[in-house]
C-alpha atoms as a PDB file:
ATOM      1  CA  MET A   1     -13.993  40.079  12.694  1.00  0.00           C
ATOM      2  CA  ALA A   2     -12.856  37.444  15.262  1.00  0.00           C
ATOM      3  CA  THR A   3     -15.687  35.062  16.681  1.00  0.00           C
ATOM      4  CA  CYS A   4     -15.948  32.083  19.061  1.00  0.00           C
ATOM      5  CA  VAL A   5     -18.733  29.796  20.451  1.00  0.00           C
ATOM      6  CA  GLY A   6     -20.712  31.036  23.397  1.00  0.00           C
ATOM      7  CA  MET A   7     -24.196  31.248  24.560  1.00  0.00           C
ATOM      8  CA  GLU A   8     -26.942  33.339  26.380  1.00  0.00           C
ATOM      9  CA  LEU A   9     -28.657  31.701  29.110  1.00  0.00           C
ATOM     10  CA  THR A  10     -31.850  33.257  30.309  1.00  0.00           C
ATOM     11  CA  GLY A  11     -33.825  32.009  33.156  1.00  0.00           C
ATOM     12  CA  SER A  12     -36.288  33.698  35.600  1.00  0.00           C
ATOM     13  CA  PRO A  13     -36.345  36.260  37.084  1.00  0.00           C
ATOM     14  CA  GLY A  14     -34.869  37.906  33.952  1.00  0.00           C
ATOM     15  CA  ARG A  15     -33.098  40.757  35.891  1.00  0.00           C
ATOM     16  CA  VAL A  16     -31.196  38.282  37.917  1.00  0.00           C
ATOM     17  CA  ASN A  17     -31.053  34.963  36.081  1.00  0.00           C
ATOM     18  CA  HIS A  18     -29.407  35.950  32.789  1.00  0.00           C
ATOM     19  CA  GLN A  19     -25.854  35.307  31.654  1.00  0.00           C
ATOM     20  CA  ASN A  20     -23.581  35.146  28.683  1.00  0.00           C
ATOM     21  CA  ALA A  21     -20.439  32.903  28.416  1.00  0.00           C
ATOM     22  CA  PHE A  22     -17.566  32.202  26.032  1.00  0.00           C
ATOM     23  CA  PRO A  23     -15.965  30.091  24.914  1.00  0.00           C
ATOM     24  CA  LEU A  24     -17.961  26.917  25.096  1.00  0.00           C
ATOM     25  CA  VAL A  25     -17.437  23.521  23.411  1.00  0.00           C
ATOM     26  CA  LEU A  26     -19.930  23.350  20.480  1.00  0.00           C
ATOM     27  CA  LYS A  27     -21.665  19.765  20.204  1.00  0.00           C
ATOM     28  CA  PRO A  28     -23.434  19.645  16.857  1.00  0.00           C
ATOM     29  CA  ARG A  29     -26.596  17.450  16.814  1.00  0.00           C
ATOM     30  CA  THR A  30     -26.980  17.418  20.520  1.00  0.00           C
ATOM     31  CA  GLN A  31     -29.652  19.114  22.775  1.00  0.00           C
ATOM     32  CA  ASP A  32     -28.784  22.892  22.993  1.00  0.00           C
ATOM     33  CA  ALA A  33     -25.683  22.183  20.992  1.00  0.00           C
ATOM     34  CA  GLY A  34     -24.171  20.826  24.268  1.00  0.00           C
ATOM     35  CA  GLY A  35     -24.795  23.875  26.288  1.00  0.00           C
ATOM     36  CA  PRO A  36     -26.229  23.977  29.884  1.00  0.00           C
ATOM     37  CA  ARG A  37     -30.071  24.314  30.577  1.00  0.00           C
ATOM     38  CA  ILE A  38     -31.518  26.943  32.684  1.00  0.00           C
ATOM     39  CA  HIS A  39     -32.316  26.547  36.445  1.00  0.00           C
ATOM     40  CA  GLU A  40     -34.906  28.086  38.553  1.00  0.00           C
ATOM     41  CA  ASN A  41     -32.365  29.110  41.049  1.00  0.00           C
ATOM     42  CA  PRO A  42     -30.133  31.961  39.812  1.00  0.00           C
ATOM     43  CA  VAL A  43     -27.111  30.808  41.948  1.00  0.00           C
ATOM     44  CA  ALA A  44     -27.437  27.271  40.672  1.00  0.00           C
ATOM     45  CA  GLN A  45     -27.675  28.492  37.044  1.00  0.00           C
ATOM     46  CA  ILE A  46     -24.557  30.742  37.068  1.00  0.00           C
ATOM     47  CA  GLU A  47     -22.593  28.295  39.001  1.00  0.00           C
ATOM     48  CA  ARG A  48     -23.573  25.395  36.327  1.00  0.00           C
ATOM     49  CA  LEU A  49     -22.623  27.835  33.479  1.00  0.00           C
ATOM     50  CA  ALA A  50     -19.205  28.591  35.214  1.00  0.00           C
ATOM     51  CA  LEU A  51     -18.466  24.999  35.746  1.00  0.00           C
ATOM     52  CA  TRP A  52     -19.662  23.778  32.313  1.00  0.00           C
ATOM     53  CA  ASP A  53     -17.255  21.866  30.036  1.00  0.00           C
ATOM     54  CA  ASP A  54     -15.347  20.406  32.871  1.00  0.00           C
ATOM     55  CA  ALA A  55     -14.853  23.865  34.625  1.00  0.00           C
ATOM     56  CA  SER A  56     -13.049  24.964  31.467  1.00  0.00           C
ATOM     57  CA  ASP A  57     -11.584  28.596  31.400  1.00  0.00           C
ATOM     58  CA  LYS A  58     -14.286  30.793  30.143  1.00  0.00           C
ATOM     59  CA  LEU A  59     -15.759  34.451  30.705  1.00  0.00           C
ATOM     60  CA  VAL A  60     -19.129  34.465  32.546  1.00  0.00           C
ATOM     61  CA  GLN A  61     -20.932  37.646  32.231  1.00  0.00           C
ATOM     62  CA  GLN A  62     -24.053  38.795  34.182  1.00  0.00           C
ATOM     63  CA  ASN A  63     -26.381  40.571  31.929  1.00  0.00           C
ATOM     64  CA  HIS A  64     -27.895  43.949  32.786  1.00  0.00           C
ATOM     65  CA  PRO A  65     -29.090  42.823  36.251  1.00  0.00           C
ATOM     66  CA  ASN A  66     -31.007  44.470  39.022  1.00  0.00           C
ATOM     67  CA  ILE A  67     -27.887  44.664  41.318  1.00  0.00           C
ATOM     68  CA  VAL A  68     -29.989  45.461  44.376  1.00  0.00           C
ATOM     69  CA  GLN A  69     -32.109  42.484  43.943  1.00  0.00           C
ATOM     70  CA  ILE A  70     -28.900  40.277  43.603  1.00  0.00           C
ATOM     71  CA  LEU A  71     -27.100  41.931  46.533  1.00  0.00           C
ATOM     72  CA  GLY A  72     -29.661  42.308  49.259  1.00  0.00           C
ATOM     73  CA  ASP A  73     -33.348  42.245  48.228  1.00  0.00           C
ATOM     74  CA  GLY A  74     -34.142  39.141  46.457  1.00  0.00           C
ATOM     75  CA  ASP A  75     -37.869  39.328  46.685  1.00  0.00           C
ATOM     76  CA  LEU A  76     -38.007  43.088  46.031  1.00  0.00           C
ATOM     77  CA  ASN A  77     -40.148  43.648  49.216  1.00  0.00           C
ATOM     78  CA  GLY A  78     -37.936  46.464  50.343  1.00  0.00           C
ATOM     79  CA  LYS A  79     -36.465  44.632  53.220  1.00  0.00           C
ATOM     80  CA  ALA A  80     -32.857  43.165  53.314  1.00  0.00           C
ATOM     81  CA  ASP A  81     -32.523  39.624  52.903  1.00  0.00           C
ATOM     82  CA  ARG A  82     -29.688  37.068  51.763  1.00  0.00           C
ATOM     83  CA  ALA A  83     -30.797  37.435  48.205  1.00  0.00           C
ATOM     84  CA  PHE A  84     -28.618  35.957  45.481  1.00  0.00           C
ATOM     85  CA  GLY A  85     -25.254  37.183  46.756  1.00  0.00           C
ATOM     86  CA  LYS A  86     -23.691  33.826  46.134  1.00  0.00           C
ATOM     87  CA  MET A  87     -23.765  34.593  42.404  1.00  0.00           C
ATOM     88  CA  PHE A  88     -20.892  37.260  42.529  1.00  0.00           C
ATOM     89  CA  GLY A  89     -18.633  34.180  42.984  1.00  0.00           C
ATOM     90  CA  SER A  90     -19.155  32.909  39.536  1.00  0.00           C
ATOM     91  CA  MET A  91     -19.176  36.366  37.727  1.00  0.00           C
ATOM     92  CA  ASP A  92     -16.284  37.384  35.847  1.00  0.00           C
ATOM     93  CA  VAL A  93     -17.925  40.741  34.534  1.00  0.00           C
ATOM     94  CA  ILE A  94     -21.190  42.512  34.856  1.00  0.00           C
ATOM     95  CA  GLU A  95     -22.993  44.367  32.030  1.00  0.00           C
ATOM     96  CA  VAL A  96     -23.984  47.744  33.236  1.00  0.00           C
ATOM     97  CA  ASN A  97     -25.008  49.740  30.184  1.00  0.00           C
ATOM     98  CA  PRO A  98     -25.919  52.316  29.394  1.00  0.00           C
ATOM     99  CA  PRO A  99     -22.656  54.078  30.535  1.00  0.00           C
ATOM    100  CA  GLY A 100     -24.329  57.448  30.181  1.00  0.00           C
ATOM    101  CA  ALA A 101     -26.188  56.820  33.278  1.00  0.00           C
ATOM    102  CA  ILE A 102     -23.163  57.595  35.214  1.00  0.00           C
ATOM    103  CA  LEU A 103     -23.982  61.326  34.855  1.00  0.00           C
ATOM    104  CA  GLU A 104     -27.651  60.821  36.033  1.00  0.00           C
ATOM    105  CA  PRO A 105     -28.931  60.874  39.574  1.00  0.00           C
ATOM    106  CA  PRO A 106     -29.936  57.424  41.056  1.00  0.00           C
ATOM    107  CA  GLU A 107     -33.514  56.300  40.189  1.00  0.00           C
ATOM    108  CA  GLU A 108     -35.660  53.717  41.693  1.00  0.00           C
ATOM    109  CA  ALA A 109     -33.678  51.014  43.456  1.00  0.00           C
ATOM    110  CA  GLY A 110     -31.948  48.843  40.840  1.00  0.00           C
ATOM    111  CA  ARG A 111     -32.763  50.881  37.858  1.00  0.00           C
ATOM    112  CA  ASN A 112     -29.577  52.780  37.439  1.00  0.00           C
ATOM    113  CA  ARG A 113     -27.135  49.933  36.855  1.00  0.00           C
ATOM    114  CA  MET A 114     -23.988  52.071  36.323  1.00  0.00           C
ATOM    115  CA  PHE A 115     -24.722  53.758  39.765  1.00  0.00           C
ATOM    116  CA  ASN A 116     -25.408  50.573  41.474  1.00  0.00           C
ATOM    117  CA  TRP A 117     -22.137  48.928  39.922  1.00  0.00           C
ATOM    118  CA  LEU A 118     -20.119  51.775  41.344  1.00  0.00           C
ATOM    119  CA  GLN A 119     -21.702  51.140  44.780  1.00  0.00           C
ATOM    120  CA  LEU A 120     -20.838  47.517  44.332  1.00  0.00           C
ATOM    121  CA  LEU A 121     -17.258  48.504  43.829  1.00  0.00           C
ATOM    122  CA  ASN A 122     -17.480  50.680  47.060  1.00  0.00           C
ATOM    123  CA  LEU A 123     -18.455  47.310  48.949  1.00  0.00           C
ATOM    124  CA  ASP A 124     -15.352  45.621  47.438  1.00  0.00           C
ATOM    125  CA  TYR A 125     -16.957  43.594  44.979  1.00  0.00           C
ATOM    126  CA  ARG A 126     -14.369  43.947  42.300  1.00  0.00           C
ATOM    127  CA  ILE A 127     -16.333  42.767  39.138  1.00  0.00           C
ATOM    128  CA  PRO A 128     -15.314  44.724  35.921  1.00  0.00           C
ATOM    129  CA  GLY A 129     -18.210  46.301  34.052  1.00  0.00           C
ATOM    130  CA  VAL A 130     -19.000  45.790  30.385  1.00  0.00           C
ATOM    131  CA  VAL A 131     -21.450  47.315  28.033  1.00  0.00           C
ATOM    132  CA  ASN A 132     -23.146  46.250  24.753  1.00  0.00           C
ATOM    133  CA  THR A 133     -22.278  42.549  25.137  1.00  0.00           C
ATOM    134  CA  ASP A 134     -25.940  41.346  25.502  1.00  0.00           C
ATOM    135  CA  ALA A 135     -26.498  42.997  22.073  1.00  0.00           C
ATOM    136  CA  HIS A 136     -30.288  43.514  21.732  1.00  0.00           C
ATOM    137  CA  TYR A 137     -29.615  46.415  19.529  1.00  0.00           C
ATOM    138  CA  ASN A 138     -28.105  45.832  16.135  1.00  0.00           C
ATOM    139  CA  PHE A 139     -28.907  49.041  14.252  1.00  0.00           C
ATOM    140  CA  HIS A 140     -28.136  51.716  16.782  1.00  0.00           C
ATOM    141  CA  GLY A 141     -25.416  53.211  14.852  1.00  0.00           C
ATOM    142  CA  SER A 142     -21.670  53.148  15.526  1.00  0.00           C
ATOM    143  CA  GLY A 143     -20.417  54.381  18.872  1.00  0.00           C
ATOM    144  CA  TRP A 144     -23.306  54.320  21.194  1.00  0.00           C
ATOM    145  CA  LEU A 145     -22.081  51.526  23.298  1.00  0.00           C
ATOM    146  CA  ARG A 146     -18.422  50.031  23.090  1.00  0.00           C
ATOM    147  CA  ASN A 147     -16.033  47.919  24.905  1.00  0.00           C
ATOM    148  CA  TYR A 148     -12.453  48.545  24.167  1.00  0.00           C
ATOM    149  CA  VAL A 149     -10.487  45.356  25.447  1.00  0.00           C
ATOM    150  CA  LYS A 150      -6.772  45.072  25.764  1.00  0.00           C
ATOM    151  CA  CYS A 151      -5.433  42.813  23.100  1.00  0.00           C
ATOM    152  CA  PRO A 152      -1.841  41.956  21.938  1.00  0.00           C
ATOM    153  CA  THR A 153      -2.878  42.441  18.240  1.00  0.00           C
ATOM    154  CA  ASP A 154      -5.189  44.493  16.284  1.00  0.00           C
ATOM    155  CA  ASP A 155      -5.161  41.813  13.377  1.00  0.00           C
ATOM    156  CA  PRO A 156      -8.569  39.997  13.657  1.00  0.00           C
ATOM    157  CA  GLY A 157      -6.991  36.905  12.297  1.00  0.00           C
ATOM    158  CA  LYS A 158      -4.318  36.783  15.188  1.00  0.00           C
ATOM    159  CA  ILE A 159      -6.747  37.517  17.934  1.00  0.00           C
ATOM    160  CA  LYS A 160      -7.038  34.713  20.520  1.00  0.00           C
ATOM    161  CA  THR A 161     -10.094  34.163  22.289  1.00  0.00           C
ATOM    162  CA  MET A 162      -8.394  33.553  25.830  1.00  0.00           C
ATOM    163  CA  ASP A 163      -6.548  36.886  25.343  1.00  0.00           C
ATOM    164  CA  ILE A 164      -9.958  38.731  25.360  1.00  0.00           C
ATOM    165  CA  VAL A 165     -11.336  36.423  28.194  1.00  0.00           C
ATOM    166  CA  HIS A 166      -8.366  37.291  30.456  1.00  0.00           C
ATOM    167  CA  SER A 167      -8.156  41.029  29.756  1.00  0.00           C
ATOM    168  CA  ALA A 168     -11.963  41.265  30.652  1.00  0.00           C
ATOM    169  CA  GLU A 169     -11.561  39.125  33.791  1.00  0.00           C
ATOM    170  CA  ARG A 170      -8.665  41.511  34.888  1.00  0.00           C
ATOM    171  CA  GLY A 171     -10.625  44.653  33.988  1.00  0.00           C
ATOM    172  CA  HIS A 172      -8.291  45.708  31.124  1.00  0.00           C
ATOM    173  CA  LEU A 173     -10.953  47.306  29.274  1.00  0.00           C
ATOM    174  CA  ILE A 174     -12.711  50.505  28.819  1.00  0.00           C
ATOM    175  CA  MET A 175     -16.460  51.189  28.466  1.00  0.00           C
ATOM    176  CA  THR A 176     -17.469  54.149  26.249  1.00  0.00           C
ATOM    177  CA  ASN A 177     -20.423  55.705  24.446  1.00  0.00           C
ATOM    178  CA  GLY A 178     -18.193  57.750  22.051  1.00  0.00           C
ATOM    179  CA  PRO A 179     -15.152  57.559  19.856  1.00  0.00           C
ATOM    180  CA  TYR A 180     -11.292  57.930  20.650  1.00  0.00           C
ATOM    181  CA  LEU A 181      -9.949  61.036  19.060  1.00  0.00           C
ATOM    182  CA  GLU A 182      -6.397  61.997  18.012  1.00  0.00           C
ATOM    183  CA  VAL A 183      -6.176  65.885  18.259  1.00  0.00           C
ATOM    184  CA  GLN A 184      -3.386  68.029  16.803  1.00  0.00           C
ATOM    185  CA  LEU A 185      -3.053  71.752  16.902  1.00  0.00           C
ATOM    186  CA  VAL A 186      -0.839  72.728  13.996  1.00  0.00           C
ATOM    187  CA  ALA A 187       0.718  76.089  13.616  1.00  0.00           C
ATOM    188  CA  MET A 188       0.932  77.180   9.982  1.00  0.00           C
ATOM    189  CA  VAL A 189       4.578  78.248  10.219  1.00  0.00           C
ATOM    190  CA  ILE A 190       6.168  75.483  12.366  1.00  0.00           C
ATOM    191  CA  GLN A 191       6.094  71.681  12.786  1.00  0.00           C
ATOM    192  CA  PRO A 192       3.000  69.998  14.381  1.00  0.00           C
ATOM    193  CA  ILE A 193       3.298  70.004  18.147  1.00  0.00           C
ATOM    194  CA  ARG A 194       1.562  67.290  20.254  1.00  0.00           C
ATOM    195  CA  GLY A 195       1.300  67.366  23.990  1.00  0.00           C
ATOM    196  CA  MET A 196       2.948  70.743  24.296  1.00  0.00           C
ATOM    197  CA  MET A 197       1.554  74.257  24.936  1.00  0.00           C
ATOM    198  CA  LEU A 198       1.570  76.355  21.606  1.00  0.00           C
ATOM    199  CA  LYS A 199       1.763  80.027  21.498  1.00  0.00           C
ATOM    200  CA  GLN A 200       1.294  81.433  17.878  1.00  0.00           C
ATOM    201  CA  PRO A 201       0.228  85.060  18.225  1.00  0.00           C
ATOM    202  CA  ALA A 202       1.101  86.200  14.904  1.00  0.00           C
ATOM    203  CA  ALA A 203       0.040  83.196  12.611  1.00  0.00           C
ATOM    204  CA  GLU A 204      -2.938  81.024  12.118  1.00  0.00           C
ATOM    205  CA  ALA A 205      -3.199  77.633  13.416  1.00  0.00           C
ATOM    206  CA  CYS A 206      -5.427  74.701  12.499  1.00  0.00           C
ATOM    207  CA  CYS A 207      -6.900  72.088  14.841  1.00  0.00           C
ATOM    208  CA  MET A 208      -7.193  68.682  13.351  1.00  0.00           C
ATOM    209  CA  CYS A 209      -9.195  65.641  14.716  1.00  0.00           C
ATOM    210  CA  GLU A 210      -8.469  62.115  13.717  1.00  0.00           C
ATOM    211  CA  PHE A 211     -10.741  59.105  14.640  1.00  0.00           C
ATOM    212  CA  SER A 212      -8.569  56.505  16.059  1.00  0.00           C
ATOM    213  CA  ALA A 213     -11.303  53.856  15.960  1.00  0.00           C
ATOM    214  CA  LEU A 214     -14.007  53.133  13.357  1.00  0.00           C
ATOM    215  CA  ILE A 215     -16.777  54.915  15.108  1.00  0.00           C
ATOM    216  CA  GLY A 216     -18.765  57.666  13.405  1.00  0.00           C
ATOM    217  CA  LEU A 217     -21.547  58.703  15.664  1.00  0.00           C
ATOM    218  CA  MET A 218     -21.235  60.597  18.808  1.00  0.00           C
ATOM    219  CA  SER A 219     -23.483  60.025  21.848  1.00  0.00           C
ATOM    220  CA  THR A 220     -26.051  62.561  22.743  1.00  0.00           C
ATOM    221  CA  GLY A 221     -24.423  65.187  24.866  1.00  0.00           C
ATOM    222  CA  SER A 222     -20.928  64.729  23.519  1.00  0.00           C
ATOM    223  CA  ARG A 223     -19.312  67.949  22.476  1.00  0.00           C
ATOM    224  CA  TYR A 224     -15.839  68.490  20.898  1.00  0.00           C
ATOM    225  CA  TYR A 225     -14.336  72.039  20.730  1.00  0.00           C
END
């Protein structure tokens, strides 16, 4: 496992003023280990976090927000206002779990983060989505929420924090609630064939599935044939 120093910063309102960031400079035996304090203004808080440690290169993530409230209805009175739109200028990624909501119809304004994130993209706010990074759930089983982030190596000891930061900032990641599978259809009398049509009318064939990631549980509604 590769880790780095980071923090979660939670102000009010919680569905707006709530971020994660990494890497940060750890300063032992100092207030809040050297990290920034919360601010009552969500715009000021996320800007402070982004500029912390002398504006060092870091990933700033907005946690499971009410996107409607940030974008155009700050007081949630149903009338358009300037809200907290300036926050988008300091966001590198935005947490939009659960990903399965992409298959559900829109609900009350702000509730379906996945739908509202897609609408945000339609408005040309190109902020990559992530899931499971404000990890309140530690015992949900493997595979419910995952980010697959592009990385030059799969050796944890060789992973560089900034490789993960830059891949996430550029949207080089995949959100998923299920495993990756490698599937082969193998005829009993010829060599395995991958990526080709296989016609075997006179012989048996067997289908083999191999997990390409260490994920053991499929999400509700996933089916494999």
